[in-house]
Amino acid sequence: MILASQSEAFKEENVPAKRLHELDQQMEKKDESLYFMDRMWVSLVGGTRTIIMNEAHKTRYYVHPRADKMYHDLRDMYWWLGIKKDIATYASKCLTYSKYLKGAIREWIATKRLDSSKLKNEHLSRLSLIDVKIDHDNTTDLDFLNRRKSSRILGN
């Protein structure tokens, strides 16, 4: 399946030479299939990418609570341009992922709100400490100046 799609992808009518960007020269040929950076190259032609994602999603050995988990599992074996984007799109269309994401987003918003209110309170307490310190410093300065003025006037 992958070999057929790879050979189909390199036909002149499917991919113009300028779009390859010398990618074909960077690929290695091992056991009759093309590899790019030690990962099997999967072409867009033939719908092989969607078949791989469907198999990865439906296999009982793969458990994907998030799209990035599916990406990390597939990136070790396969490579194609835009693999991360394709997996994210696939995951967004899947009902299992959308249920998980709704819960994860709710948790993220709740923790974000708690964190921001905590930071706000810390910032306000720091500001009030600075105000108290400034007020205290100003008072001592004013007391010192008042004593100095009074000593000049009284001649002490």
Foldseek 3Di string as FASTA:
>chain_A
DQLVQVVVCPDCVNDPPVVCVCVVVQWDADPNFTDHPNAGEGDPPPCVLVVVLVCLVPDPVHDDLELVSSVVVRVNHYDDPCNSVVSNVVLVPDPSNVVSVVVVVVVVVVVVVVVVVVVVVVVVVVVVVVVVVVVVVVVVVVVVVVVVVVCVVVVD
